[in-house]
Amino acid sequence: MTTRAVVGAWVQIEEVVLAVGERAAQVPEDTQKVPLIMRVKGFATEEADLGDDITVETIIGRSVRGKLIDLDPAYEHDFGRPVVELISVGREARQMLQGILNSEGGGGK
């Protein structure tokens, strides 16, 4: 497995934005116990090993510096499990709107 980024490689970096103790007072206690970490994906502008500080250029051209944490990072986000009660909402709303259109003589599909 490669652990070194070359110039132009797609990588991910992270940087601590707020350390423990720097969070706002209204933040929940359990959240205050961990740092706020920024993660950014972009193209390496220099060679570096995992764990090294590196500057990346993002897709929109921003330069950001942070600790190299991943090479060829995947997009791993999702929206979680579906909310069963909401699955049918779109279909039900369309049926209701179609009924309104039909009663007003608008028709349509």
N, C-alpha and C. Protein backbone atom coordinates (compact mmCIF):
# COMPACT_ATOMS: atom_id res chain seq x y z
N MET A 1 0.85 -1.19 0.00
CA MET A 1 0.00 0.00 0.00
C MET A 1 0.89 1.25 0.00
N THR A 2 0.57 2.18 -0.85
CA THR A 2 1.33 3.42 -0.96
C THR A 2 1.01 4.32 0.23
N THR A 3 2.05 4.91 0.79
CA THR A 3 1.86 5.84 1.91
C THR A 3 2.42 7.22 1.59
N ARG A 4 2.81 7.42 0.32
CA ARG A 4 3.40 8.70 -0.08
C ARG A 4 2.57 9.32 -1.19
N ALA A 5 2.26 10.60 -1.01
CA ALA A 5 1.53 11.35 -2.03
C ALA A 5 2.53 12.02 -2.96
N VAL A 6 2.21 11.99 -4.24
CA VAL A 6 3.02 12.71 -5.23
C VAL A 6 2.25 13.97 -5.64
N VAL A 7 2.93 14.91 -6.24
CA VAL A 7 2.29 16.15 -6.70
C VAL A 7 1.15 15.80 -7.65
N GLY A 8 0.00 16.37 -7.39
CA GLY A 8 -1.17 16.14 -8.24
C GLY A 8 -2.06 15.00 -7.78
N ALA A 9 -1.63 14.24 -6.78
CA ALA A 9 -2.44 13.12 -6.28
C ALA A 9 -3.67 13.65 -5.55
N TRP A 10 -4.77 12.90 -5.63
CA TRP A 10 -5.99 13.23 -4.91
C TRP A 10 -5.82 12.73 -3.48
N VAL A 11 -5.91 13.64 -2.50
CA VAL A 11 -5.62 13.30 -1.11
C VAL A 11 -6.62 13.97 -0.18
N GLN A 12 -6.56 13.59 1.09
CA GLN A 12 -7.37 14.24 2.11
C GLN A 12 -6.46 14.66 3.26
N ILE A 13 -6.72 15.87 3.75
CA ILE A 13 -5.97 16.40 4.89
C ILE A 13 -6.94 16.72 6.01
N GLU A 14 -6.40 16.91 7.21
CA GLU A 14 -7.21 17.38 8.31
C GLU A 14 -6.43 18.42 9.10
N GLU A 15 -7.17 19.28 9.77
CA GLU A 15 -6.57 20.34 10.58
C GLU A 15 -7.50 20.61 11.75
N VAL A 16 -6.96 20.79 12.93
CA VAL A 16 -7.77 21.13 14.10
C VAL A 16 -8.16 22.60 13.99
N VAL A 17 -9.46 22.85 13.96
CA VAL A 17 -9.97 24.22 13.87
C VAL A 17 -10.12 24.81 15.27
N LEU A 18 -10.70 24.04 16.18
CA LEU A 18 -10.84 24.46 17.57
C LEU A 18 -10.39 23.30 18.45
N ALA A 19 -9.41 23.55 19.30
CA ALA A 19 -8.93 22.52 20.22
C ALA A 19 -9.93 22.36 21.37
N VAL A 20 -9.79 21.27 22.11
CA VAL A 20 -10.61 21.07 23.30
C VAL A 20 -10.42 22.30 24.20
N GLY A 21 -11.52 22.83 24.70
CA GLY A 21 -11.46 24.02 25.56
C GLY A 21 -11.66 25.32 24.80
N GLU A 22 -11.66 25.29 23.46
CA GLU A 22 -11.86 26.50 22.67
C GLU A 22 -13.28 26.60 22.10
N ARG A 23 -14.09 25.60 22.38
CA ARG A 23 -15.46 25.58 21.86
C ARG A 23 -16.33 26.60 22.58
N ALA A 24 -17.40 27.02 21.95
CA ALA A 24 -18.34 27.96 22.55
C ALA A 24 -19.02 27.33 23.76
N ALA A 25 -19.39 28.15 24.71
CA ALA A 25 -19.98 27.67 25.97
C ALA A 25 -21.29 26.91 25.74
N GLN A 26 -22.05 27.27 24.72
CA GLN A 26 -23.35 26.64 24.49
C GLN A 26 -23.26 25.28 23.80
N VAL A 27 -22.06 24.87 23.42
CA VAL A 27 -21.87 23.56 22.80
C VAL A 27 -22.06 22.49 23.86
N PRO A 28 -22.76 21.38 23.53
CA PRO A 28 -22.97 20.32 24.52
C PRO A 28 -21.66 19.83 25.13
N GLU A 29 -21.73 19.39 26.38
CA GLU A 29 -20.54 18.99 27.14
C GLU A 29 -19.74 17.90 26.43
N ASP A 30 -20.44 16.89 25.88
CA ASP A 30 -19.70 15.81 25.22
C ASP A 30 -18.98 16.30 23.96
N THR A 31 -19.54 17.29 23.30
CA THR A 31 -18.90 17.87 22.12
C THR A 31 -17.69 18.71 22.52
N GLN A 32 -17.77 19.40 23.65
CA GLN A 32 -16.65 20.21 24.12
C GLN A 32 -15.41 19.39 24.45
N LYS A 33 -15.60 18.08 24.64
CA LYS A 33 -14.49 17.21 25.02
C LYS A 33 -13.65 16.74 23.84
N VAL A 34 -14.06 17.11 22.62
CA VAL A 34 -13.30 16.70 21.43
C VAL A 34 -13.00 17.94 20.58
N PRO A 35 -11.90 17.93 19.84
CA PRO A 35 -11.59 19.08 18.98
C PRO A 35 -12.51 19.12 17.76
N LEU A 36 -12.69 20.32 17.22
CA LEU A 36 -13.39 20.48 15.95
C LEU A 36 -12.36 20.30 14.85
N ILE A 37 -12.56 19.31 14.01
CA ILE A 37 -11.58 18.97 12.98
C ILE A 37 -12.15 19.23 11.60
N MET A 38 -11.39 19.91 10.76
CA MET A 38 -11.75 20.17 9.38
C MET A 38 -11.06 19.12 8.51
N ARG A 39 -11.79 18.53 7.60
CA ARG A 39 -11.20 17.60 6.64
C ARG A 39 -11.47 18.15 5.24
N VAL A 40 -10.42 18.14 4.42
CA VAL A 40 -10.50 18.71 3.08
C VAL A 40 -9.86 17.75 2.09
N LYS A 41 -10.53 17.59 0.93
CA LYS A 41 -9.95 16.79 -0.15
C LYS A 41 -9.45 17.73 -1.23
N GLY A 42 -8.35 17.34 -1.86
CA GLY A 42 -7.80 18.17 -2.92
C GLY A 42 -6.59 17.50 -3.55
N PHE A 43 -5.92 18.25 -4.40
CA PHE A 43 -4.75 17.75 -5.11
C PHE A 43 -3.48 18.18 -4.39
N ALA A 44 -2.61 17.23 -4.12
CA ALA A 44 -1.35 17.52 -3.44
C ALA A 44 -0.52 18.49 -4.27
N THR A 45 0.02 19.51 -3.62
CA THR A 45 0.88 20.47 -4.32
C THR A 45 2.35 20.18 -4.06
N GLU A 46 2.61 19.14 -3.26
CA GLU A 46 3.98 18.74 -2.92
C GLU A 46 3.96 17.27 -2.54
N GLU A 47 5.10 16.64 -2.54
CA GLU A 47 5.19 15.25 -2.10
C GLU A 47 5.18 15.21 -0.58
N ALA A 48 4.54 14.16 -0.03
CA ALA A 48 4.47 14.02 1.44
C ALA A 48 4.07 12.60 1.79
N ASP A 49 4.46 12.20 3.00
CA ASP A 49 4.05 10.91 3.54
C ASP A 49 2.83 11.11 4.41
N LEU A 50 2.05 10.03 4.60
CA LEU A 50 0.92 10.10 5.52
C LEU A 50 1.40 10.62 6.87
N GLY A 51 0.67 11.57 7.44
CA GLY A 51 1.03 12.17 8.71
C GLY A 51 1.80 13.47 8.58
N ASP A 52 2.37 13.74 7.40
CA ASP A 52 3.10 14.99 7.16
C ASP A 52 2.12 16.13 6.92
N ASP A 53 2.55 17.36 7.17
CA ASP A 53 1.79 18.54 6.78
C ASP A 53 1.99 18.76 5.29
N ILE A 54 0.91 19.10 4.61
CA ILE A 54 0.94 19.25 3.15
C ILE A 54 -0.09 20.30 2.76
N THR A 55 0.16 20.98 1.65
CA THR A 55 -0.81 21.91 1.09
C THR A 55 -1.50 21.22 -0.07
N VAL A 56 -2.84 21.38 -0.11
CA VAL A 56 -3.61 20.84 -1.23
C VAL A 56 -4.33 21.98 -1.93
N GLU A 57 -4.64 21.75 -3.19
CA GLU A 57 -5.48 22.68 -3.94
C GLU A 57 -6.81 22.00 -4.16
N THR A 58 -7.88 22.63 -3.69
CA THR A 58 -9.21 22.04 -3.79
C THR A 58 -9.72 22.16 -5.22
N ILE A 59 -10.83 21.50 -5.47
CA ILE A 59 -11.46 21.54 -6.79
C ILE A 59 -11.74 22.98 -7.23
N ILE A 60 -12.08 23.85 -6.27
CA ILE A 60 -12.41 25.23 -6.64
C ILE A 60 -11.19 26.15 -6.57
N GLY A 61 -10.00 25.58 -6.35
CA GLY A 61 -8.78 26.36 -6.41
C GLY A 61 -8.27 26.93 -5.10
N ARG A 62 -8.91 26.61 -3.97
CA ARG A 62 -8.41 27.08 -2.67
C ARG A 62 -7.17 26.30 -2.29
N SER A 63 -6.24 26.95 -1.62
CA SER A 63 -5.08 26.28 -1.05
C SER A 63 -5.31 26.11 0.45
N VAL A 64 -5.18 24.87 0.92
CA VAL A 64 -5.43 24.57 2.32
C VAL A 64 -4.29 23.69 2.81
N ARG A 65 -3.84 23.96 4.04
CA ARG A 65 -2.74 23.17 4.61
C ARG A 65 -3.25 22.36 5.79
N GLY A 66 -2.74 21.13 5.91
CA GLY A 66 -3.13 20.26 7.01
C GLY A 66 -2.34 18.98 6.98
N LYS A 67 -2.67 18.08 7.90
CA LYS A 67 -1.98 16.79 8.01
C LYS A 67 -2.56 15.81 7.00
N LEU A 68 -1.70 15.20 6.21
CA LEU A 68 -2.12 14.22 5.20
C LEU A 68 -2.65 12.98 5.90
N ILE A 69 -3.93 12.65 5.65
CA ILE A 69 -4.53 11.49 6.33
C ILE A 69 -4.98 10.39 5.38
N ASP A 70 -5.09 10.66 4.07
CA ASP A 70 -5.56 9.63 3.16
C ASP A 70 -5.12 9.91 1.74
N LEU A 71 -4.85 8.84 1.00
CA LEU A 71 -4.52 8.92 -0.42
C LEU A 71 -5.70 8.34 -1.19
N ASP A 72 -6.08 8.97 -2.29
CA ASP A 72 -7.25 8.55 -3.07
C ASP A 72 -8.46 8.32 -2.18
N PRO A 73 -8.88 9.33 -1.41
CA PRO A 73 -9.98 9.14 -0.45
C PRO A 73 -11.31 8.92 -1.16
N ALA A 74 -12.11 8.08 -0.56
CA ALA A 74 -13.45 7.80 -1.09
C ALA A 74 -14.45 8.79 -0.50
N TYR A 75 -15.59 8.92 -1.16
CA TYR A 75 -16.70 9.67 -0.59
C TYR A 75 -17.51 8.68 0.21
N GLU A 76 -17.52 8.84 1.54
CA GLU A 76 -18.13 7.86 2.42
C GLU A 76 -19.35 8.39 3.16
N HIS A 77 -19.82 9.57 2.83
CA HIS A 77 -20.96 10.12 3.54
C HIS A 77 -22.27 9.53 3.00
N ASP A 78 -23.27 9.54 3.85
CA ASP A 78 -24.62 9.17 3.43
C ASP A 78 -25.61 9.90 4.32
N PHE A 79 -26.86 9.66 4.10
CA PHE A 79 -27.88 10.35 4.88
C PHE A 79 -28.52 9.42 5.92
N GLY A 80 -27.87 8.30 6.18
CA GLY A 80 -28.36 7.37 7.21
C GLY A 80 -29.51 6.52 6.71
N ARG A 81 -30.11 5.80 7.63
CA ARG A 81 -31.24 4.93 7.32
C ARG A 81 -32.46 5.78 6.97
N PRO A 82 -33.30 5.29 6.07
CA PRO A 82 -34.50 6.06 5.73
C PRO A 82 -35.46 6.14 6.91
N VAL A 83 -36.18 7.24 7.00
CA VAL A 83 -37.22 7.40 8.01
C VAL A 83 -38.49 6.83 7.40
N VAL A 84 -38.92 5.70 7.93
CA VAL A 84 -40.03 4.95 7.34
C VAL A 84 -41.26 5.83 7.13
N GLU A 85 -41.55 6.68 8.11
CA GLU A 85 -42.74 7.53 8.01
C GLU A 85 -42.66 8.53 6.86
N LEU A 86 -41.45 8.80 6.36
CA LEU A 86 -41.31 9.80 5.30
C LEU A 86 -41.19 9.20 3.90
N ILE A 87 -41.05 7.90 3.81
CA ILE A 87 -40.83 7.27 2.51
C ILE A 87 -41.96 7.57 1.53
N SER A 88 -43.19 7.56 2.00
CA SER A 88 -44.33 7.72 1.10
C SER A 88 -44.79 9.17 0.93
N VAL A 89 -44.15 10.10 1.61
CA VAL A 89 -44.61 11.50 1.60
C VAL A 89 -44.64 12.08 0.19
N GLY A 90 -43.61 11.87 -0.61
CA GLY A 90 -43.58 12.43 -1.96
C GLY A 90 -44.73 11.94 -2.81
N ARG A 91 -44.97 10.63 -2.75
CA ARG A 91 -46.08 10.04 -3.53
C ARG A 91 -47.42 10.60 -3.06
N GLU A 92 -47.62 10.68 -1.74
CA GLU A 92 -48.87 11.20 -1.19
C GLU A 92 -49.08 12.66 -1.58
N ALA A 93 -48.02 13.46 -1.54
CA ALA A 93 -48.12 14.88 -1.90
C ALA A 93 -48.50 15.02 -3.37
N ARG A 94 -47.90 14.20 -4.24
CA ARG A 94 -48.24 14.28 -5.66
C ARG A 94 -49.72 13.93 -5.90
N GLN A 95 -50.20 12.90 -5.18
CA GLN A 95 -51.61 12.52 -5.32
C GLN A 95 -52.52 13.65 -4.86
N MET A 96 -52.17 14.28 -3.75
CA MET A 96 -52.98 15.39 -3.24
C MET A 96 -52.98 16.55 -4.22
N LEU A 97 -51.82 16.89 -4.76
CA LEU A 97 -51.74 17.99 -5.72
C LEU A 97 -52.49 17.66 -7.00
N GLN A 98 -52.41 16.42 -7.44
CA GLN A 98 -53.15 16.01 -8.63
C GLN A 98 -54.65 16.14 -8.41
N GLY A 99 -55.09 15.77 -7.19
CA GLY A 99 -56.52 15.91 -6.86
C GLY A 99 -56.96 17.36 -6.90
N ILE A 100 -56.11 18.25 -6.39
CA ILE A 100 -56.43 19.68 -6.41
C ILE A 100 -56.50 20.18 -7.84
N LEU A 101 -55.51 19.80 -8.64
CA LEU A 101 -55.50 20.23 -10.05
C LEU A 101 -56.74 19.72 -10.78
N ASN A 102 -57.10 18.46 -10.54
CA ASN A 102 -58.27 17.88 -11.21
C ASN A 102 -59.55 18.59 -10.79
N SER A 103 -59.68 18.96 -9.51
CA SER A 103 -60.89 19.61 -9.03
C SER A 103 -60.99 21.04 -9.56
N GLU A 104 -59.86 21.63 -9.89
CA GLU A 104 -59.86 22.99 -10.43
C GLU A 104 -59.92 23.00 -11.94
N GLY A 105 -59.96 21.80 -12.52
CA GLY A 105 -60.04 21.70 -13.97
C GLY A 105 -58.70 21.85 -14.66
N GLY A 106 -57.60 21.84 -13.89
CA GLY A 106 -56.28 21.98 -14.47
C GLY A 106 -55.77 20.72 -15.12
N GLY A 107 -56.20 19.57 -14.63
CA GLY A 107 -55.76 18.29 -15.20
C GLY A 107 -54.25 18.14 -15.09
N GLY A 108 -53.66 17.68 -16.16
CA GLY A 108 -52.22 17.45 -16.18
C GLY A 108 -51.87 16.12 -15.58
N LYS A 109 -50.64 15.77 -15.68
CA LYS A 109 -50.20 14.48 -15.14
C LYS A 109 -49.16 14.65 -14.09
